[in-house]
Amino acid sequence: MSEFQNKAVRLMAGHGEDSLSDLIERQRKLLFMSFELYRALGGSFDQLEAILMRDEPETPRRIDLVIGDLMGELAAIGYIYDLDIMQAAHNTLDRRREGFSFTDS
């Protein structure tokens, strides 16, 4: 794992993130954050509904491939908005260390 990932996991565990190994809770939080990012980027409900309603292959792709694609999209969004995505991530960890949760605004 990367230095950032190790730091994030330690910080989450150290601040009472009891659900750190709870896959259902991780899925819920990822979905919530993904929708929040989608809305922050100006995504509409109609676009979202069209995505959700289309047929998908029965077998999902490997997690590492999907995460790689997700990281690529985050890099592109960071480029469009002229922000350093790793700096944003470190800022979130610093806020967490100061007592804020990952979902605080």
N, C-alpha and C. Protein backbone atom coordinates (compact mmCIF):
# COMPACT_ATOMS: atom_id res chain seq x y z
N MET A 1 0.83 -1.19 0.00
CA MET A 1 0.00 0.00 0.00
C MET A 1 0.88 1.25 0.00
N SER A 2 0.33 2.31 -0.50
CA SER A 2 1.08 3.57 -0.58
C SER A 2 1.16 4.23 0.79
N GLU A 3 2.08 5.17 0.90
CA GLU A 3 2.24 5.92 2.15
C GLU A 3 0.93 6.63 2.52
N PHE A 4 0.28 7.25 1.53
CA PHE A 4 -0.98 7.93 1.81
C PHE A 4 -2.03 6.95 2.30
N GLN A 5 -2.16 5.82 1.63
CA GLN A 5 -3.16 4.82 2.01
C GLN A 5 -2.91 4.33 3.43
N ASN A 6 -1.67 4.03 3.76
CA ASN A 6 -1.34 3.59 5.11
C ASN A 6 -1.69 4.66 6.13
N LYS A 7 -1.37 5.91 5.82
CA LYS A 7 -1.66 7.02 6.72
C LYS A 7 -3.17 7.17 6.92
N ALA A 8 -3.93 7.07 5.84
CA ALA A 8 -5.38 7.21 5.92
C ALA A 8 -5.99 6.10 6.77
N VAL A 9 -5.56 4.87 6.56
CA VAL A 9 -6.10 3.73 7.31
C VAL A 9 -5.75 3.87 8.79
N ARG A 10 -4.50 4.24 9.11
CA ARG A 10 -4.12 4.43 10.51
C ARG A 10 -4.95 5.53 11.16
N LEU A 11 -5.13 6.62 10.45
CA LEU A 11 -5.89 7.74 10.99
C LEU A 11 -7.35 7.37 11.20
N MET A 12 -7.94 6.68 10.25
CA MET A 12 -9.33 6.26 10.39
C MET A 12 -9.48 5.30 11.58
N ALA A 13 -8.56 4.36 11.71
CA ALA A 13 -8.61 3.41 12.82
C ALA A 13 -8.39 4.12 14.15
N GLY A 14 -7.50 5.09 14.17
CA GLY A 14 -7.18 5.82 15.39
C GLY A 14 -8.27 6.76 15.86
N HIS A 15 -9.21 7.07 14.98
CA HIS A 15 -10.29 7.98 15.34
C HIS A 15 -11.64 7.25 15.43
N GLY A 16 -11.57 5.97 15.80
CA GLY A 16 -12.79 5.23 16.08
C GLY A 16 -13.60 4.82 14.88
N GLU A 17 -12.98 4.72 13.71
CA GLU A 17 -13.69 4.25 12.51
C GLU A 17 -13.84 2.74 12.65
N ASP A 18 -14.84 2.33 13.47
CA ASP A 18 -15.05 0.91 13.76
C ASP A 18 -15.39 0.09 12.52
N SER A 19 -15.91 0.76 11.51
CA SER A 19 -16.36 0.05 10.32
C SER A 19 -15.27 -0.07 9.26
N LEU A 20 -14.03 0.18 9.63
CA LEU A 20 -12.94 0.18 8.66
C LEU A 20 -12.88 -1.10 7.84
N SER A 21 -13.15 -2.25 8.44
CA SER A 21 -13.12 -3.53 7.72
C SER A 21 -14.51 -4.01 7.32
N ASP A 22 -15.51 -3.17 7.52
CA ASP A 22 -16.90 -3.52 7.18
C ASP A 22 -17.15 -3.16 5.72
N LEU A 23 -17.17 -4.17 4.85
CA LEU A 23 -17.30 -3.93 3.41
C LEU A 23 -18.62 -3.23 3.07
N ILE A 24 -19.69 -3.58 3.75
CA ILE A 24 -20.99 -2.94 3.49
C ILE A 24 -20.91 -1.44 3.79
N GLU A 25 -20.31 -1.09 4.90
CA GLU A 25 -20.17 0.33 5.27
C GLU A 25 -19.24 1.05 4.29
N ARG A 26 -18.17 0.39 3.85
CA ARG A 26 -17.26 1.00 2.88
C ARG A 26 -18.01 1.25 1.57
N GLN A 27 -18.85 0.28 1.14
CA GLN A 27 -19.64 0.45 -0.08
C GLN A 27 -20.57 1.65 0.05
N ARG A 28 -21.25 1.76 1.20
CA ARG A 28 -22.19 2.85 1.43
C ARG A 28 -21.47 4.19 1.37
N LYS A 29 -20.34 4.29 2.04
CA LYS A 29 -19.61 5.57 2.06
C LYS A 29 -19.06 5.91 0.68
N LEU A 30 -18.56 4.92 -0.04
CA LEU A 30 -18.05 5.18 -1.39
C LEU A 30 -19.16 5.68 -2.29
N LEU A 31 -20.32 5.04 -2.21
CA LEU A 31 -21.46 5.46 -3.02
C LEU A 31 -21.88 6.89 -2.67
N PHE A 32 -21.97 7.19 -1.40
CA PHE A 32 -22.34 8.54 -0.96
C PHE A 32 -21.35 9.57 -1.48
N MET A 33 -20.05 9.30 -1.29
CA MET A 33 -19.02 10.25 -1.74
C MET A 33 -19.00 10.38 -3.26
N SER A 34 -19.24 9.28 -3.96
CA SER A 34 -19.28 9.34 -5.43
C SER A 34 -20.43 10.20 -5.92
N PHE A 35 -21.60 10.03 -5.30
CA PHE A 35 -22.75 10.85 -5.68
C PHE A 35 -22.51 12.32 -5.32
N GLU A 36 -21.88 12.54 -4.19
CA GLU A 36 -21.58 13.92 -3.79
C GLU A 36 -20.63 14.58 -4.78
N LEU A 37 -19.60 13.86 -5.21
CA LEU A 37 -18.68 14.38 -6.22
C LEU A 37 -19.40 14.62 -7.54
N TYR A 38 -20.23 13.68 -7.93
CA TYR A 38 -21.01 13.80 -9.17
C TYR A 38 -21.85 15.08 -9.14
N ARG A 39 -22.54 15.32 -8.03
CA ARG A 39 -23.37 16.53 -7.89
C ARG A 39 -22.50 17.78 -7.88
N ALA A 40 -21.35 17.74 -7.18
CA ALA A 40 -20.46 18.90 -7.12
C ALA A 40 -19.92 19.27 -8.49
N LEU A 41 -19.81 18.27 -9.37
CA LEU A 41 -19.33 18.50 -10.74
C LEU A 41 -20.45 18.96 -11.67
N GLY A 42 -21.67 19.07 -11.12
CA GLY A 42 -22.80 19.55 -11.92
C GLY A 42 -23.64 18.46 -12.56
N GLY A 43 -23.45 17.21 -12.14
CA GLY A 43 -24.23 16.11 -12.70
C GLY A 43 -25.71 16.25 -12.36
N SER A 44 -26.55 15.82 -13.29
CA SER A 44 -28.00 15.94 -13.10
C SER A 44 -28.61 14.59 -12.76
N PHE A 45 -29.80 14.63 -12.18
CA PHE A 45 -30.52 13.40 -11.86
C PHE A 45 -30.85 12.63 -13.13
N ASP A 46 -31.22 13.33 -14.19
CA ASP A 46 -31.55 12.66 -15.45
C ASP A 46 -30.36 11.86 -15.98
N GLN A 47 -29.17 12.45 -15.94
CA GLN A 47 -27.97 11.74 -16.38
C GLN A 47 -27.71 10.53 -15.49
N LEU A 48 -27.87 10.73 -14.19
CA LEU A 48 -27.64 9.65 -13.23
C LEU A 48 -28.63 8.51 -13.45
N GLU A 49 -29.89 8.85 -13.65
CA GLU A 49 -30.91 7.84 -13.89
C GLU A 49 -30.58 7.02 -15.14
N ALA A 50 -30.13 7.70 -16.20
CA ALA A 50 -29.78 6.99 -17.44
C ALA A 50 -28.63 6.02 -17.21
N ILE A 51 -27.66 6.42 -16.41
CA ILE A 51 -26.53 5.54 -16.10
C ILE A 51 -26.99 4.33 -15.30
N LEU A 52 -27.83 4.58 -14.30
CA LEU A 52 -28.29 3.49 -13.44
C LEU A 52 -29.20 2.50 -14.15
N MET A 53 -29.92 2.96 -15.15
CA MET A 53 -30.90 2.12 -15.82
C MET A 53 -30.32 1.29 -16.97
N ARG A 54 -29.12 1.58 -17.41
CA ARG A 54 -28.58 0.81 -18.53
C ARG A 54 -28.13 -0.57 -18.06
N ASP A 55 -28.15 -1.49 -18.98
CA ASP A 55 -27.74 -2.87 -18.68
C ASP A 55 -26.23 -2.93 -18.53
N GLU A 56 -25.79 -3.63 -17.51
CA GLU A 56 -24.37 -3.82 -17.25
C GLU A 56 -24.04 -5.30 -17.40
N PRO A 57 -22.80 -5.61 -17.72
CA PRO A 57 -22.40 -7.03 -17.77
C PRO A 57 -22.62 -7.67 -16.40
N GLU A 58 -22.93 -8.96 -16.40
CA GLU A 58 -23.20 -9.65 -15.15
C GLU A 58 -21.98 -9.76 -14.25
N THR A 59 -20.81 -9.92 -14.83
CA THR A 59 -19.59 -10.06 -14.04
C THR A 59 -18.87 -8.72 -13.97
N PRO A 60 -18.74 -8.18 -12.76
CA PRO A 60 -18.02 -6.91 -12.65
C PRO A 60 -16.53 -7.10 -12.93
N ARG A 61 -15.89 -6.02 -13.34
CA ARG A 61 -14.45 -6.07 -13.58
C ARG A 61 -13.71 -6.22 -12.25
N ARG A 62 -12.42 -6.56 -12.34
CA ARG A 62 -11.59 -6.70 -11.14
C ARG A 62 -11.49 -5.36 -10.42
N ILE A 63 -11.43 -5.42 -9.10
CA ILE A 63 -11.37 -4.22 -8.27
C ILE A 63 -10.16 -3.36 -8.64
N ASP A 64 -9.00 -3.96 -8.86
CA ASP A 64 -7.81 -3.15 -9.16
C ASP A 64 -7.97 -2.37 -10.46
N LEU A 65 -8.65 -2.95 -11.44
CA LEU A 65 -8.88 -2.25 -12.70
C LEU A 65 -9.85 -1.08 -12.53
N VAL A 66 -10.90 -1.32 -11.76
CA VAL A 66 -11.89 -0.26 -11.53
C VAL A 66 -11.26 0.87 -10.72
N ILE A 67 -10.48 0.54 -9.69
CA ILE A 67 -9.82 1.58 -8.90
C ILE A 67 -8.85 2.36 -9.78
N GLY A 68 -8.13 1.68 -10.65
CA GLY A 68 -7.22 2.38 -11.57
C GLY A 68 -7.97 3.37 -12.45
N ASP A 69 -9.11 2.96 -12.98
CA ASP A 69 -9.92 3.87 -13.80
C ASP A 69 -10.45 5.03 -12.97
N LEU A 70 -10.89 4.73 -11.75
CA LEU A 70 -11.39 5.78 -10.85
C LEU A 70 -10.29 6.80 -10.56
N MET A 71 -9.09 6.33 -10.27
CA MET A 71 -7.98 7.24 -9.99
C MET A 71 -7.65 8.09 -11.21
N GLY A 72 -7.75 7.49 -12.40
CA GLY A 72 -7.52 8.26 -13.63
C GLY A 72 -8.55 9.36 -13.79
N GLU A 73 -9.82 9.05 -13.51
CA GLU A 73 -10.87 10.06 -13.61
C GLU A 73 -10.67 11.17 -12.58
N LEU A 74 -10.25 10.79 -11.36
CA LEU A 74 -9.98 11.80 -10.34
C LEU A 74 -8.82 12.70 -10.77
N ALA A 75 -7.81 12.12 -11.40
CA ALA A 75 -6.69 12.92 -11.90
C ALA A 75 -7.17 13.91 -12.95
N ALA A 76 -8.04 13.47 -13.85
CA ALA A 76 -8.56 14.36 -14.89
C ALA A 76 -9.41 15.47 -14.28
N ILE A 77 -10.24 15.13 -13.29
CA ILE A 77 -11.04 16.16 -12.62
C ILE A 77 -10.14 17.16 -11.91
N GLY A 78 -9.09 16.66 -11.25
CA GLY A 78 -8.12 17.55 -10.61
C GLY A 78 -7.48 18.48 -11.62
N TYR A 79 -7.16 17.97 -12.79
CA TYR A 79 -6.57 18.80 -13.85
C TYR A 79 -7.56 19.88 -14.31
N ILE A 80 -8.81 19.49 -14.53
CA ILE A 80 -9.82 20.45 -14.99
C ILE A 80 -10.02 21.56 -13.96
N TYR A 81 -10.04 21.21 -12.68
CA TYR A 81 -10.27 22.19 -11.62
C TYR A 81 -8.98 22.77 -11.06
N ASP A 82 -7.85 22.44 -11.67
CA ASP A 82 -6.55 22.96 -11.27
C ASP A 82 -6.30 22.74 -9.77
N LEU A 83 -6.46 21.48 -9.35
CA LEU A 83 -6.16 21.16 -7.96
C LEU A 83 -5.34 19.88 -7.91
N ASP A 84 -4.53 19.81 -6.89
CA ASP A 84 -3.68 18.64 -6.66
C ASP A 84 -4.49 17.65 -5.84
N ILE A 85 -4.88 16.53 -6.44
CA ILE A 85 -5.78 15.60 -5.75
C ILE A 85 -5.11 14.97 -4.52
N MET A 86 -3.80 14.73 -4.57
CA MET A 86 -3.13 14.18 -3.40
C MET A 86 -3.04 15.21 -2.29
N GLN A 87 -2.85 16.48 -2.65
CA GLN A 87 -2.84 17.52 -1.62
C GLN A 87 -4.22 17.63 -0.99
N ALA A 88 -5.26 17.54 -1.81
CA ALA A 88 -6.63 17.56 -1.27
C ALA A 88 -6.83 16.39 -0.31
N ALA A 89 -6.32 15.22 -0.67
CA ALA A 89 -6.45 14.05 0.19
C ALA A 89 -5.69 14.25 1.49
N HIS A 90 -4.47 14.78 1.42
CA HIS A 90 -3.70 15.05 2.64
C HIS A 90 -4.39 16.10 3.50
N ASN A 91 -4.98 17.11 2.88
CA ASN A 91 -5.72 18.12 3.64
C ASN A 91 -6.87 17.48 4.41
N THR A 92 -7.54 16.51 3.78
CA THR A 92 -8.62 15.80 4.45
C THR A 92 -8.09 15.03 5.65
N LEU A 93 -6.94 14.37 5.48
CA LEU A 93 -6.34 13.65 6.61
C LEU A 93 -5.98 14.60 7.73
N ASP A 94 -5.43 15.76 7.38
CA ASP A 94 -5.06 16.75 8.40
C ASP A 94 -6.30 17.24 9.15
N ARG A 95 -7.39 17.47 8.43
CA ARG A 95 -8.65 17.86 9.07
C ARG A 95 -9.12 16.76 10.00
N ARG A 96 -8.99 15.51 9.56
CA ARG A 96 -9.40 14.38 10.39
C ARG A 96 -8.58 14.35 11.69
N ARG A 97 -7.30 14.61 11.57
CA ARG A 97 -6.42 14.63 12.74
C ARG A 97 -6.85 15.73 13.71
N GLU A 98 -7.40 16.81 13.16
CA GLU A 98 -7.85 17.93 14.01
C GLU A 98 -9.24 17.71 14.58
N GLY A 99 -9.85 16.56 14.28
CA GLY A 99 -11.11 16.23 14.90
C GLY A 99 -12.33 16.26 14.02
N PHE A 100 -12.16 16.54 12.73
CA PHE A 100 -13.29 16.54 11.82
C PHE A 100 -13.44 15.16 11.21
N SER A 101 -14.64 14.82 10.78
CA SER A 101 -14.84 13.52 10.14
C SER A 101 -14.61 13.64 8.63
N PHE A 102 -14.52 12.50 7.94
CA PHE A 102 -14.31 12.50 6.51
C PHE A 102 -15.51 13.06 5.76
N THR A 103 -16.66 13.13 6.40
CA THR A 103 -17.84 13.65 5.72
C THR A 103 -18.18 15.07 6.12
N ASP A 104 -17.36 15.72 6.95
CA ASP A 104 -17.59 17.12 7.29
C ASP A 104 -17.30 17.99 6.07
N SER A 105 -18.00 19.10 5.97
CA SER A 105 -17.74 20.00 4.84
C SER A 105 -16.91 21.17 5.27
